[in-house]
């Protein structure tokens, strides 16, 4: 269950004035309990989501906080789109890895020059490691995904300034 689905579920529960809800799909369990102005959503085996409405009756905003450590930085916001920057997007849903193995240096980092076909990262999906290659030559401006975190189809992973 992704953030969008959770937000829609919470909005539906608020609209129907349902105070408590529990859903179980396979190994994923979601329990939502509305108490006063705060809504707490807990998905067992997934990150926790906390939603606090801005005003009574308003739709909640969701923000993810990993269960294991709150100190893990959230994915960086995309800088104001600079003219001519190229975004490398994930072709699949999976887990983002910046290096070929734990402890190894990342494939690329900000400031590195890359060529067409050069491996930028790995996305693990269904126990398969898929190398994501650069489709343009240029300089890595920014890495937008967090190592070891889940990513969605079409999610922006890298910002590249193409060579002229």
C-alpha atoms as a PDB file:
ATOM      1  CA  UNK A   1       0.000   0.000   0.000  1.00  0.00           C
ATOM      2  CA  UNK A   2       1.527   3.308  -1.036  1.00  0.00           C
ATOM      3  CA  UNK A   3       1.162   6.830   0.340  1.00  0.00           C
ATOM      4  CA  UNK A   4      -1.489   7.836  -2.211  1.00  0.00           C
ATOM      5  CA  UNK A   5      -3.684   4.855  -1.325  1.00  0.00           C
ATOM      6  CA  UNK A   6      -3.308   5.618   2.395  1.00  0.00           C
ATOM      7  CA  UNK A   7      -4.248   9.260   1.847  1.00  0.00           C
ATOM      8  CA  UNK A   8      -7.349   8.266  -0.144  1.00  0.00           C
ATOM      9  CA  UNK A   9      -8.304   5.754   2.562  1.00  0.00           C
ATOM     10  CA  UNK A  10      -7.935   8.364   5.316  1.00  0.00           C
ATOM     11  CA  UNK A  11      -9.972  10.902   3.338  1.00  0.00           C
ATOM     12  CA  UNK A  12     -12.721   8.294   2.838  1.00  0.00           C
ATOM     13  CA  UNK A  13     -12.728   7.429   6.563  1.00  0.00           C
ATOM     14  CA  UNK A  14     -12.963  11.113   7.491  1.00  0.00           C
ATOM     15  CA  UNK A  15     -15.754  11.672   4.955  1.00  0.00           C
ATOM     16  CA  UNK A  16     -17.755   8.719   6.352  1.00  0.00           C
ATOM     17  CA  UNK A  17     -16.834   9.679   9.957  1.00  0.00           C
ATOM     18  CA  UNK A  18     -15.314   6.251  10.692  1.00  0.00           C
ATOM     19  CA  UNK A  19     -13.194   6.363  13.862  1.00  0.00           C
ATOM     20  CA  UNK A  20     -11.319   3.061  13.569  1.00  0.00           C
ATOM     21  CA  UNK A  21     -10.361   0.820  10.626  1.00  0.00           C
ATOM     22  CA  UNK A  22      -8.150  -2.234  10.161  1.00  0.00           C
ATOM     23  CA  UNK A  23      -7.040  -3.903   6.901  1.00  0.00           C
ATOM     24  CA  UNK A  24      -4.864  -6.971   6.401  1.00  0.00           C
ATOM     25  CA  UNK A  25      -3.424  -7.996   3.003  1.00  0.00           C
ATOM     26  CA  UNK A  26      -0.963 -10.857   3.160  1.00  0.00           C
ATOM     27  CA  UNK A  27       1.880  -9.765   5.459  1.00  0.00           C
ATOM     28  CA  UNK A  28       0.837  -6.083   5.405  1.00  0.00           C
ATOM     29  CA  UNK A  29      -1.453  -4.915   8.181  1.00  0.00           C
ATOM     30  CA  UNK A  30      -2.835  -1.364   8.337  1.00  0.00           C
ATOM     31  CA  UNK A  31      -4.682   0.000  11.367  1.00  0.00           C
ATOM     32  CA  UNK A  32      -6.116   3.520  11.391  1.00  0.00           C
ATOM     33  CA  UNK A  33      -7.611   5.007  14.538  1.00  0.00           C
ATOM     34  CA  UNK A  34      -8.890   8.574  14.592  1.00  0.00           C
ATOM     35  CA  UNK A  35      -8.739  10.271  17.954  1.00  0.00           C
ATOM     36  CA  UNK A  36      -9.481  13.989  18.212  1.00  0.00           C
ATOM     37  CA  UNK A  37      -7.539  15.992  15.633  1.00  0.00           C
ATOM     38  CA  UNK A  38      -4.708  13.494  15.095  1.00  0.00           C
ATOM     39  CA  UNK A  39      -4.787  10.483  12.798  1.00  0.00           C
ATOM     40  CA  UNK A  40      -2.160   7.793  13.250  1.00  0.00           C
ATOM     41  CA  UNK A  41      -1.585   5.204  10.557  1.00  0.00           C
ATOM     42  CA  UNK A  42       0.599   2.172  11.254  1.00  0.00           C
ATOM     43  CA  UNK A  43       1.432  -0.415   8.618  1.00  0.00           C
ATOM     44  CA  UNK A  44       3.159  -3.429  10.133  1.00  0.00           C
ATOM     45  CA  UNK A  45       6.355  -4.317   8.235  1.00  0.00           C
ATOM     46  CA  UNK A  46       6.370  -0.967   6.395  1.00  0.00           C
ATOM     47  CA  UNK A  47       7.310   2.633   7.266  1.00  0.00           C
ATOM     48  CA  UNK A  48       5.012   4.456   9.670  1.00  0.00           C
ATOM     49  CA  UNK A  49       2.919   7.327   8.408  1.00  0.00           C
ATOM     50  CA  UNK A  50       1.666  10.132  10.602  1.00  0.00           C
ATOM     51  CA  UNK A  51      -1.088  12.437   9.453  1.00  0.00           C
ATOM     52  CA  UNK A  52      -2.261  15.563  11.233  1.00  0.00           C
ATOM     53  CA  UNK A  53      -5.087  17.582   9.665  1.00  0.00           C
ATOM     54  CA  UNK A  54      -4.403  21.320   9.332  1.00  0.00           C
ATOM     55  CA  UNK A  55      -7.954  22.113  10.426  1.00  0.00           C
ATOM     56  CA  UNK A  56     -10.857  19.949  11.624  1.00  0.00           C
ATOM     57  CA  UNK A  57     -12.356  18.177   8.611  1.00  0.00           C
ATOM     58  CA  UNK A  58      -9.382  19.023   6.361  1.00  0.00           C
ATOM     59  CA  UNK A  59      -7.637  16.279   4.402  1.00  0.00           C
ATOM     60  CA  UNK A  60      -4.474  15.110   6.171  1.00  0.00           C
ATOM     61  CA  UNK A  61      -0.996  15.513   4.749  1.00  0.00           C
ATOM     62  CA  UNK A  62       1.144  12.384   4.900  1.00  0.00           C
ATOM     63  CA  UNK A  63       4.860  12.293   5.651  1.00  0.00           C
ATOM     64  CA  UNK A  64       6.903   9.115   5.905  1.00  0.00           C
ATOM     65  CA  UNK A  65       9.219   8.367   8.807  1.00  0.00           C
ATOM     66  CA  UNK A  66      11.156   5.065   8.642  1.00  0.00           C
ATOM     67  CA  UNK A  67      10.521   2.731  11.606  1.00  0.00           C
ATOM     68  CA  UNK A  68      14.154   1.819  12.305  1.00  0.00           C
ATOM     69  CA  UNK A  69      15.705   5.285  12.513  1.00  0.00           C
ATOM     70  CA  UNK A  70      14.155   8.713  12.277  1.00  0.00           C
ATOM     71  CA  UNK A  71      17.616  10.105  11.451  1.00  0.00           C
ATOM     72  CA  UNK A  72      17.540   8.686   7.904  1.00  0.00           C
ATOM     73  CA  UNK A  73      17.273  11.679   5.542  1.00  0.00           C
ATOM     74  CA  UNK A  74      14.128  11.920   3.445  1.00  0.00           C
ATOM     75  CA  UNK A  75      14.590  11.885  -0.340  1.00  0.00           C
ATOM     76  CA  UNK A  76      15.852  15.273  -1.447  1.00  0.00           C
ATOM     77  CA  UNK A  77      13.412  17.650  -3.054  1.00  0.00           C
ATOM     78  CA  UNK A  78      14.017  18.255  -6.737  1.00  0.00           C
ATOM     79  CA  UNK A  79      15.698  21.639  -7.266  1.00  0.00           C
ATOM     80  CA  UNK A  80      13.850  24.267  -9.251  1.00  0.00           C
ATOM     81  CA  UNK A  81      13.971  22.833 -12.767  1.00  0.00           C
ATOM     82  CA  UNK A  82      16.999  24.389 -14.370  1.00  0.00           C
ATOM     83  CA  UNK A  83      16.797  24.764 -18.124  1.00  0.00           C
ATOM     84  CA  UNK A  84      18.245  21.755 -19.963  1.00  0.00           C
ATOM     85  CA  UNK A  85      18.586  19.297 -17.055  1.00  0.00           C
ATOM     86  CA  UNK A  86      17.785  15.644 -17.751  1.00  0.00           C
ATOM     87  CA  UNK A  87      15.983  13.464 -15.200  1.00  0.00           C
ATOM     88  CA  UNK A  88      16.790   9.748 -15.040  1.00  0.00           C
ATOM     89  CA  UNK A  89      13.615   7.955 -13.920  1.00  0.00           C
ATOM     90  CA  UNK A  90      13.103   4.451 -12.588  1.00  0.00           C
ATOM     91  CA  UNK A  91      11.740   2.070 -15.227  1.00  0.00           C
ATOM     92  CA  UNK A  92      10.448  -0.303 -12.499  1.00  0.00           C
ATOM     93  CA  UNK A  93       9.230  -0.498  -8.910  1.00  0.00           C
ATOM     94  CA  UNK A  94      11.826  -1.865  -6.504  1.00  0.00           C
ATOM     95  CA  UNK A  95      14.579  -1.030  -4.020  1.00  0.00           C
ATOM     96  CA  UNK A  96      17.234   1.558  -4.950  1.00  0.00           C
ATOM     97  CA  UNK A  97      20.912   0.702  -4.435  1.00  0.00           C
ATOM     98  CA  UNK A  98      23.673   3.199  -5.213  1.00  0.00           C
ATOM     99  CA  UNK A  99      26.510   0.638  -5.095  1.00  0.00           C
ATOM    100  CA  UNK A 100      27.126  -2.882  -6.462  1.00  0.00           C
ATOM    101  CA  UNK A 101      27.421  -4.316  -2.923  1.00  0.00           C
ATOM    102  CA  UNK A 102      27.249  -3.137   0.695  1.00  0.00           C
ATOM    103  CA  UNK A 103      30.408  -1.223   1.618  1.00  0.00           C
ATOM    104  CA  UNK A 104      31.403  -0.651  -2.010  1.00  0.00           C
ATOM    105  CA  UNK A 105      31.685   2.906  -3.349  1.00  0.00           C
ATOM    106  CA  UNK A 106      28.594   4.216  -5.192  1.00  0.00           C
ATOM    107  CA  UNK A 107      28.431   3.852  -8.978  1.00  0.00           C
ATOM    108  CA  UNK A 108      28.205   7.669  -9.305  1.00  0.00           C
ATOM    109  CA  UNK A 109      28.020  10.752  -7.096  1.00  0.00           C
ATOM    110  CA  UNK A 110      27.238  14.430  -7.653  1.00  0.00           C
ATOM    111  CA  UNK A 111      29.872  16.028  -9.882  1.00  0.00           C
ATOM    112  CA  UNK A 112      30.805  12.810 -11.716  1.00  0.00           C
ATOM    113  CA  UNK A 113      30.891  12.787 -15.517  1.00  0.00           C
ATOM    114  CA  UNK A 114      28.870   9.935 -17.054  1.00  0.00           C
ATOM    115  CA  UNK A 115      28.591   8.469 -20.541  1.00  0.00           C
ATOM    116  CA  UNK A 116      25.619   6.912 -22.305  1.00  0.00           C
ATOM    117  CA  UNK A 117      25.212   3.327 -21.064  1.00  0.00           C
ATOM    118  CA  UNK A 118      27.175   3.871 -17.836  1.00  0.00           C
ATOM    119  CA  UNK A 119      25.577   2.162 -14.800  1.00  0.00           C
ATOM    120  CA  UNK A 120      24.137   4.716 -12.351  1.00  0.00           C
ATOM    121  CA  UNK A 121      22.516   2.415  -9.797  1.00  0.00           C
ATOM    122  CA  UNK A 122      20.765  -0.904  -9.232  1.00  0.00           C
ATOM    123  CA  UNK A 123      17.041  -1.410  -8.672  1.00  0.00           C
ATOM    124  CA  UNK A 124      16.176  -4.732  -7.052  1.00  0.00           C
ATOM    125  CA  UNK A 125      12.776  -6.075  -8.049  1.00  0.00           C
ATOM    126  CA  UNK A 126      11.547  -9.590  -7.246  1.00  0.00           C
ATOM    127  CA  UNK A 127      15.044 -10.742  -6.251  1.00  0.00           C
ATOM    128  CA  UNK A 128      16.487  -9.556  -9.583  1.00  0.00           C
ATOM    129  CA  UNK A 129      19.161  -6.836  -9.683  1.00  0.00           C
ATOM    130  CA  UNK A 130      18.460  -4.445 -12.574  1.00  0.00           C
ATOM    131  CA  UNK A 131      21.240  -2.078 -13.583  1.00  0.00           C
ATOM    132  CA  UNK A 132      19.936   1.394 -14.461  1.00  0.00           C
ATOM    133  CA  UNK A 133      22.100   3.017 -17.132  1.00  0.00           C
ATOM    134  CA  UNK A 134      22.480   6.642 -18.127  1.00  0.00           C
ATOM    135  CA  UNK A 135      20.643   7.541 -21.318  1.00  0.00           C
ATOM    136  CA  UNK A 136      22.614  10.791 -21.756  1.00  0.00           C
ATOM    137  CA  UNK A 137      26.245  11.840 -21.391  1.00  0.00           C
ATOM    138  CA  UNK A 138      26.896  14.631 -18.918  1.00  0.00           C
ATOM    139  CA  UNK A 139      27.495  15.582 -15.288  1.00  0.00           C
ATOM    140  CA  UNK A 140      25.564  14.188 -12.309  1.00  0.00           C
ATOM    141  CA  UNK A 141      23.977  17.212 -10.613  1.00  0.00           C
ATOM    142  CA  UNK A 142      22.084  15.386  -7.869  1.00  0.00           C
ATOM    143  CA  UNK A 143      21.053  11.933  -6.640  1.00  0.00           C
ATOM    144  CA  UNK A 144      17.356  12.027  -5.677  1.00  0.00           C
ATOM    145  CA  UNK A 145      16.809   8.521  -4.234  1.00  0.00           C
ATOM    146  CA  UNK A 146      17.934   7.178  -0.859  1.00  0.00           C
ATOM    147  CA  UNK A 147      20.092   4.041  -0.771  1.00  0.00           C
ATOM    148  CA  UNK A 148      18.153   0.948   0.306  1.00  0.00           C
ATOM    149  CA  UNK A 149      14.751   2.666   0.077  1.00  0.00           C
ATOM    150  CA  UNK A 150      11.762   1.588  -2.034  1.00  0.00           C
ATOM    151  CA  UNK A 151      11.160   3.504  -5.261  1.00  0.00           C
ATOM    152  CA  UNK A 152       8.189   3.743  -7.600  1.00  0.00           C
ATOM    153  CA  UNK A 153       7.871   3.398 -11.369  1.00  0.00           C
ATOM    154  CA  UNK A 154       8.750   6.750 -12.976  1.00  0.00           C
ATOM    155  CA  UNK A 155      10.330   8.147  -9.802  1.00  0.00           C
ATOM    156  CA  UNK A 156      13.191  10.535 -10.554  1.00  0.00           C
ATOM    157  CA  UNK A 157      16.525   9.046  -9.456  1.00  0.00           C
ATOM    158  CA  UNK A 158      19.216  11.364 -10.839  1.00  0.00           C
ATOM    159  CA  UNK A 159      19.506  14.857 -12.312  1.00  0.00           C
ATOM    160  CA  UNK A 160      22.063  15.091 -15.140  1.00  0.00           C
ATOM    161  CA  UNK A 161      23.341  18.189 -16.930  1.00  0.00           C
ATOM    162  CA  UNK A 162      23.849  16.921 -20.500  1.00  0.00           C
ATOM    163  CA  UNK A 163      27.092  17.647 -22.372  1.00  0.00           C
ATOM    164  CA  UNK A 164      26.754  20.339 -24.996  1.00  0.00           C
END
